[in-house]
Amino acid sequence: MPTRLSVNINKVATLRNSRGGNNPDVIKVALDCERFGAEGITVHPRPDERHIRYQDVLNLSKVLTTEFNIEGNPTEQKFVDLVLQVKPAQVTMVPDVLGAVTSNAGWDTIQNKDLLTDLVKTFKEAGIRTSVFVDADVKMVEGAAAVGADRIELYTEPYAHQYSLDQSLALTPFIKAAERANELGLGINAGHDLSLDNLRYFQQNIPGLLEVSIGHALICDALYYGLENTIQLYLREAKAGVI
């Protein structure tokens, strides 16, 4: 099955917020991403709304035609309420600490079993597919299955960091985690620091990779290659060997 590309548009909102006003227009960019071939749109609202705002999420939900993926920390009741109001195709639960620059670790799915079980139940009862952000650790994958999640999202920053040093070594824990997820019937997503440099190798070697969510690198590349061309480049890497 081809790996789907979901474009994270947080950085577009960061640029808009730096000057106020509505330039660039987050809604237009999201719709353009869809028009250029993106198979999903990802947003990650945070309590300080320093990039995507809660109103952006509501506005996007009215116009998107591809898969909508909302990431965030579900210990914030405002986030839970937003997801239940929007009812996106997927919610990705991420254990952000307050004020974090970016996500930098997956859930301890064992220590947080009761919390995650309740949240997964709440979201699934609303018809929302649930994904739990985890490190490439077999035990954490098993914990995600135990709380009833539909999918995991593998936190790939360690892979990206190690990739230029030793590709095989960088990938090994992710292969093990993916194989265990497949055994447990969990869908597999991935995201964080995936790029045109390292995406193809990851996609070709991770069994059952359903979706990648990419924002920072893709938006940076778009400054040089243009948004439409950049999305096509990422689609080519995400589907290498498939189409």
Protein backbone atom coordinates (compact mmCIF):
# COMPACT_ATOMS: atom_id res chain seq x y z
CA MET A 1 0.00 0.00 0.00
CA PRO A 2 1.42 3.44 -0.92
CA THR A 3 2.40 5.68 1.98
CA ARG A 4 0.17 8.75 2.20
CA LEU A 5 1.59 12.25 2.57
CA SER A 6 -0.02 14.60 5.09
CA VAL A 7 1.35 18.15 5.02
CA ASN A 8 1.74 19.87 8.39
CA ILE A 9 0.98 23.57 7.85
CA ASN A 10 2.04 24.85 11.28
CA LYS A 11 5.03 26.72 9.84
CA VAL A 12 2.77 28.61 7.45
CA ALA A 13 0.81 29.85 10.45
CA THR A 14 4.07 30.77 12.22
CA LEU A 15 5.01 33.01 9.31
CA ARG A 16 1.56 34.61 9.26
CA ASN A 17 1.60 35.25 13.00
CA SER A 18 5.01 36.92 12.87
CA ARG A 19 3.50 39.97 11.17
CA GLY A 20 -0.17 39.77 12.08
CA GLY A 21 -2.85 39.96 9.44
CA ASN A 22 -3.55 37.01 7.17
CA ASN A 23 -0.52 36.70 4.90
CA PRO A 24 0.16 33.92 4.12
CA ASP A 25 -3.42 32.71 4.20
CA VAL A 26 -3.39 29.39 6.05
CA ILE A 27 -6.68 28.25 4.55
CA LYS A 28 -5.56 28.99 1.00
CA VAL A 29 -2.24 27.24 1.53
CA ALA A 30 -4.01 24.14 2.89
CA LEU A 31 -6.36 24.04 -0.09
CA ASP A 32 -3.42 24.54 -2.44
CA CYS A 33 -1.58 21.64 -0.77
CA GLU A 34 -4.61 19.46 -1.49
CA ARG A 35 -4.79 20.73 -5.06
CA PHE A 36 -1.10 19.99 -5.55
CA GLY A 37 -1.53 16.36 -4.45
CA ALA A 38 -1.24 16.24 -0.66
CA GLU A 39 -3.37 13.42 0.70
CA GLY A 40 -3.95 14.99 4.07
CA ILE A 41 -3.48 18.14 6.13
CA THR A 42 -2.01 18.07 9.64
CA VAL A 43 -2.21 20.79 12.26
CA HIS A 44 -0.85 20.89 15.79
CA PRO A 45 -2.53 23.60 17.86
CA ARG A 46 -0.82 24.47 21.12
CA PRO A 47 -2.26 26.34 24.11
CA ASP A 48 -0.28 29.53 23.33
CA GLU A 49 -1.51 29.45 19.69
CA ARG A 50 1.93 30.54 18.52
CA HIS A 51 1.29 28.99 15.12
CA ILE A 52 -1.99 27.24 14.31
CA ARG A 53 -4.85 28.85 16.19
CA TYR A 54 -7.93 27.05 17.42
CA GLN A 55 -10.05 29.14 15.05
CA ASP A 56 -7.83 27.99 12.15
CA VAL A 57 -8.73 24.41 12.99
CA LEU A 58 -12.42 25.19 12.94
CA ASN A 59 -12.10 27.08 9.65
CA LEU A 60 -10.07 24.31 8.03
CA SER A 61 -12.56 21.66 9.06
CA LYS A 62 -15.22 23.35 6.92
CA VAL A 63 -13.27 23.31 3.66
CA LEU A 64 -10.77 20.42 3.57
CA THR A 65 -11.59 17.47 1.35
CA THR A 66 -8.63 15.23 2.18
CA GLU A 67 -7.86 13.58 5.51
CA PHE A 68 -7.66 16.01 8.42
CA ASN A 69 -5.23 15.06 11.19
CA ILE A 70 -5.18 17.08 14.41
CA GLU A 71 -2.15 16.59 16.65
CA GLY A 72 -1.83 17.79 20.21
CA ASN A 73 -1.65 17.14 23.91
CA PRO A 74 -4.95 15.59 25.04
CA THR A 75 -4.30 16.44 28.68
CA GLU A 76 -5.47 19.94 27.68
CA GLN A 77 -9.28 19.89 27.89
CA LYS A 78 -9.48 22.67 25.31
CA PHE A 79 -7.74 20.41 22.83
CA VAL A 80 -10.07 17.49 23.56
CA ASP A 81 -13.11 19.72 23.17
CA LEU A 82 -11.80 21.05 19.85
CA VAL A 83 -11.21 17.57 18.45
CA LEU A 84 -14.66 16.40 19.51
CA GLN A 85 -16.22 19.46 17.90
CA VAL A 86 -14.34 19.10 14.61
CA LYS A 87 -14.38 15.29 14.41
CA PRO A 88 -11.35 14.98 12.11
CA ALA A 89 -10.46 11.74 10.37
CA GLN A 90 -7.62 11.26 12.86
CA VAL A 91 -6.39 12.61 16.17
CA THR A 92 -2.72 12.11 17.04
CA MET A 93 -2.07 12.32 20.77
CA VAL A 94 1.31 13.90 21.55
CA PRO A 95 2.74 14.39 25.07
CA ASP A 96 3.97 17.97 24.60
CA VAL A 97 5.19 19.73 27.69
CA LEU A 98 3.88 23.27 28.06
CA GLY A 99 6.10 25.70 26.17
CA ALA A 100 7.96 23.05 24.17
CA VAL A 101 9.49 24.38 20.95
CA THR A 102 8.50 21.17 19.19
CA SER A 103 7.54 17.62 20.09
CA ASN A 104 10.61 15.81 21.41
CA ALA A 105 9.46 12.46 22.83
CA GLY A 106 6.76 9.88 22.54
CA TRP A 107 4.32 8.71 25.20
CA ASP A 108 5.25 6.34 27.96
CA THR A 109 2.25 4.21 27.08
CA ILE A 110 2.74 1.96 30.10
CA GLN A 111 2.91 4.67 32.75
CA ASN A 112 0.04 6.57 31.10
CA LYS A 113 -2.11 3.53 30.31
CA ASP A 114 -5.22 4.66 32.20
CA LEU A 115 -5.11 8.19 30.79
CA LEU A 116 -4.62 7.02 27.22
CA THR A 117 -7.24 4.29 27.50
CA ASP A 118 -9.86 6.85 28.55
CA LEU A 119 -8.85 9.28 25.81
CA VAL A 120 -8.81 6.65 23.09
CA LYS A 121 -12.27 5.52 24.16
CA THR A 122 -13.58 9.10 24.11
CA PHE A 123 -12.27 9.81 20.62
CA LYS A 124 -13.22 6.46 19.12
CA GLU A 125 -16.77 6.77 20.42
CA ALA A 126 -16.93 10.01 18.40
CA GLY A 127 -15.86 8.12 15.27
CA ILE A 128 -12.32 9.51 15.21
CA ARG A 129 -9.34 7.32 14.35
CA THR A 130 -6.77 7.45 17.16
CA SER A 131 -3.01 7.55 16.84
CA VAL A 132 -0.51 7.61 19.70
CA PHE A 133 2.88 9.31 19.26
CA VAL A 134 5.59 6.89 20.43
CA ASP A 135 9.32 6.36 20.34
CA ALA A 136 10.69 3.43 18.38
CA ASP A 137 10.46 1.15 21.40
CA VAL A 138 8.69 -2.21 21.20
CA LYS A 139 7.36 -1.87 24.75
CA MET A 140 5.80 1.50 23.95
CA VAL A 141 4.23 0.04 20.81
CA GLU A 142 2.77 -2.79 22.86
CA GLY A 143 1.44 -0.24 25.33
CA ALA A 144 -0.27 1.66 22.50
CA ALA A 145 -2.03 -1.51 21.44
CA ALA A 146 -3.07 -2.17 25.04
CA VAL A 147 -4.87 1.20 25.31
CA GLY A 148 -6.90 0.43 22.19
CA ALA A 149 -5.28 2.84 19.73
CA ASP A 150 -5.87 2.38 16.02
CA ARG A 151 -2.40 3.53 15.03
CA ILE A 152 0.94 4.72 16.31
CA GLU A 153 2.98 7.60 14.98
CA LEU A 154 6.68 6.82 15.22
CA TYR A 155 8.74 9.79 16.42
CA THR A 156 11.46 9.92 13.76
CA GLU A 157 13.81 12.67 14.96
CA PRO A 158 16.34 10.08 16.25
CA TYR A 159 16.27 8.39 12.84
CA ALA A 160 16.83 11.70 11.05
CA HIS A 161 19.68 12.63 13.40
CA GLN A 162 21.47 9.29 12.95
CA TYR A 163 20.72 8.90 9.23
CA SER A 164 23.77 10.77 7.93
CA LEU A 165 26.05 8.79 10.24
CA ASP A 166 24.78 5.22 9.77
CA GLN A 167 21.58 4.62 7.83
CA SER A 168 21.18 0.99 8.84
CA LEU A 169 21.80 1.67 12.52
CA ALA A 170 19.39 4.61 12.42
CA LEU A 171 16.63 2.45 10.99
CA THR A 172 17.02 -0.72 13.10
CA PRO A 173 14.83 0.25 16.11
CA PHE A 174 12.13 1.57 13.77
CA ILE A 175 11.97 -1.70 11.84
CA LYS A 176 11.59 -3.63 15.10
CA ALA A 177 8.88 -1.27 16.33
CA ALA A 178 7.03 -1.46 13.00
CA GLU A 179 7.18 -5.25 12.88
CA ARG A 180 5.70 -5.45 16.37
CA ALA A 181 2.99 -2.94 15.44
CA ASN A 182 2.07 -5.07 12.44
CA GLU A 183 1.85 -8.17 14.64
CA LEU A 184 -0.50 -6.30 16.99
CA GLY A 185 -2.69 -4.96 14.20
CA LEU A 186 -1.69 -1.32 14.70
CA GLY A 187 -1.50 1.03 11.72
CA ILE A 188 1.81 2.88 11.38
CA ASN A 189 2.32 6.60 10.81
CA ALA A 190 5.58 8.51 11.17
CA GLY A 191 6.76 12.06 11.50
CA HIS A 192 9.34 14.54 12.75
CA ASP A 193 12.39 15.68 10.76
CA LEU A 194 11.61 13.49 7.77
CA SER A 195 12.90 15.17 4.63
CA LEU A 196 13.75 14.68 0.97
CA ASP A 197 17.12 13.33 2.12
CA ASN A 198 15.89 10.56 4.40
CA LEU A 199 12.26 9.81 3.53
CA ARG A 200 12.75 7.30 0.73
CA TYR A 201 15.03 5.02 2.75
CA PHE A 202 12.61 5.08 5.65
CA GLN A 203 9.56 4.43 3.48
CA GLN A 204 11.17 1.54 1.62
CA ASN A 205 12.27 -0.24 4.78
CA ILE A 206 9.43 0.25 7.27
CA PRO A 207 6.83 -2.49 6.76
CA GLY A 208 3.26 -1.26 6.69
CA LEU A 209 4.00 2.47 6.75
CA LEU A 210 0.60 4.08 6.07
CA GLU A 211 1.24 7.80 6.46
CA VAL A 212 3.96 10.38 6.97
CA SER A 213 3.24 13.82 8.38
CA ILE A 214 5.81 16.38 7.25
CA GLY A 215 5.88 20.10 7.88
CA HIS A 216 9.12 21.90 8.69
CA ALA A 217 11.35 20.40 6.01
CA LEU A 218 8.64 20.52 3.36
CA ILE A 219 7.86 24.20 3.95
CA CYS A 220 11.58 25.02 3.96
CA ASP A 221 12.06 23.19 0.66
CA ALA A 222 9.10 25.05 -0.80
CA LEU A 223 11.06 28.30 -0.44
CA TYR A 224 13.48 26.97 -3.05
CA TYR A 225 11.39 24.65 -5.20
CA GLY A 226 7.90 26.15 -4.91
CA LEU A 227 5.04 24.53 -3.02
CA GLU A 228 3.53 22.54 -5.86
CA ASN A 229 6.84 21.10 -7.01
CA THR A 230 7.89 20.36 -3.43
CA ILE A 231 4.74 18.38 -2.70
CA GLN A 232 5.29 16.37 -5.85
CA LEU A 233 8.89 15.67 -4.78
CA TYR A 234 7.73 14.43 -1.38
CA LEU A 235 5.00 12.30 -2.93
CA ARG A 236 7.64 10.68 -5.13
CA GLU A 237 9.75 9.82 -2.11
CA ALA A 238 6.79 8.60 -0.05
CA LYS A 239 5.72 6.24 -2.81
CA ALA A 240 9.13 5.13 -4.02
CA GLY A 241 8.92 1.61 -5.41
CA VAL A 242 5.11 1.70 -5.45
CA ILE A 243 4.23 4.00 -8.34
